[in-house]
């Protein structure tokens, strides 16, 4: 049986081998609608490829690092990235390549094509899942088509597909992917039509833009919108877009350009053309017995159908179903550029100003009632900024992912994370903070008598020389006392003791690890840009610059938000100090609103919650080897220090050379990283705070280790393998 079938030869019995997209377009072509000429590479080709190259087993191993239901979105992206790199480095076997090449060259020669996913079941009446798999526009020549064929196959295991694994029935043994290779219809007006409106079952909706559909799909071009009566096709309303840009084909793919002046004030469709688009929607619905979501384009006056899929009801989402939000994190380059301006010019300055204002407020002069008001105000402020963090800062991390994908596609490195070495600049907020600590540690190292005095009484501010006192005061003025303790009296002394103990440890064990190599970064950058074709070099440079900003912010945003959180904690600590003096039982952790209630009512007794460090898991079985995600290259062996919360670093007296084991590296824990020898985290992902800091200091790091803080105990000798993502205990 041939592995390639022309679109016009596809019949009902071929559906499982050609997938939903190809099957639908073939049915519409038989119905008489214009469809760009195409061929379908059957799913059997994918099955042969992964079996012959050994990828099936390697994918299985990758996806069994951790229960998929327990993976966070960063971990899914990491797994998907590693799998994608496998496909990039596994050439199509010669016999398969020769068979496919012959048919592709005969059909298309050097015509531009679209290489689209067409996974069986992807566009069925039960599940649409649009956008989970890749499509590539304006691909020319057999070599390029075969190269993009592997990328489409790899997208079967995209992070989006992994999120919806259960609904897609995605299993390594049975999942497969057909691919549609379609002549590109370069239309002047394009859009989508929804046979039934998601907002009103009596209506249909048409959205249209000038140029290619890519701008509409990724949100960079605002569409004009028509609402039509679903029965008669009568236009009920029309909403004009603010027409500024359009997407046009380029030498490689497509590019966003300013819309010609003569088109700015003219809708992409006339009323008659909107009627034609509505007409193909009606025909498709009659053919498939269900309303369709269709992509179309006008090439001249001819209307072409590009895709058609059933409009499905998404699986019922629960309140804790974060998958739609995870998918919304995928942003276009244009969207990310706009987001960067907003973050750097508006949000970060506002957050810094907020934290500075809170730090200047004198909490000690407030009455109990006013302090209660202030605690509640700070709780509200922290919640607001946390909302900004999730809505604006987290999506900006996608800049690193976009850059990583372009880098891997261009350079094809053996290490799928090599691109991370291009992103660090040494300007991270946490690194600046740690450099100030290193400078104070150097003062102690160079003055043995200062070290003796500090060891004698760590909390006495009068000890130490004037330069050291000034440096320490400047540090705490800018960054607080690392744990958010209130300034003043004994409370301030405890915070100072934490810093001094850390500085003494740093003084005895000067930082000597090899961090990021700036020369290596320059070489990698030059290699990356030189491999980009001249037509894409400027885009690659812009994307690299944006990714570096994304990298910095992924660390810095934690510091900025942490400052506001510490200022909230400072008010809570002062409130707790007051109510405990009035007879409250001493508690490790009390909810901030409870403290506010206690300040207002002397007779109120708080509800408390257990601190993270109180719950201890009984050790009946001892793990020998646990698996996570490789996040920082290198191997380290040392004693484990299990940290349940930042305050544990004070209680447990973190020692140089120990391996930090925690749920996640909190911004207020970063200061111990320079004296640690490795990091193990329960949370996973290359883009989380701990992984970024580990790479900056050249530390081995494994993330996404289930139950890391219970399977590993303080004092255990462990080996951290940041290459394989393995932690050996004992």
Foldseek 3Di string as FASTA:
>chain_A
DAQKAWLCPDDPVCDQFQADWSVLLNLLVVVVAFAFTWMKRTQVLQVCQCVVQVLLVVLVVLCPQDPLVPADLQSLQQSLLLSLLVLLPRAGPPVSLVSQQVVCCVPAVFFFKKKAKRWHPCQAQAHPLPPQFDMFGGATHSVRNSSVVSRRFSSCSHSLCSLCCVVSVDDSVPTTIMIMIGGDQWFQKKWKKWLADPVHRQKIKIWMDGTDCPCVVQVVFHTKMWIAGNPPRHTPDTHDDQQFWYWYQDNGTIDIDGDDPVCRPPHSDDSVVSSVNSVSQVVSCVSVVAGWIWIWHQHPNGIYTHGIGGDYDPPDDDPPSCSVVSVVLQHDPVVLVVLLCCCVVPVLVVLLVVLLVLLPDDLVPDALLVLLVVLVVLVVVLVVLVVCCSVRLSSNLCLLVVLLVLLCSQVSDPDSCPVLLLQDDCPAPLSVLLVLLLVLLQVCLVPVVLLVQCVVQVLDLVGDDPVSSVSVVVSCSNQNLLQLFADDDPRNSLSSSLSSLLSPQCNVPPQDFDARDVVVSVVSVVVRLVSDPPVCSVVSVVSSVSNSVSLSSLQRVLSSSVSSVSSSVHSQNVLLVVLVVLPADDDPAFPSNQSSVCSVDNPDHGDGDHQQPPDADDPPDADFKRFFAQQFADKAKDFEDEDEDLCVCSVVVDHFAHEYEYQAQRSSNLSCVSRYQAYEHLHDRNSHNVSSSCNRRRHGYAYNTHPRNHNHDGGWIWMGHSVRRMIGTD
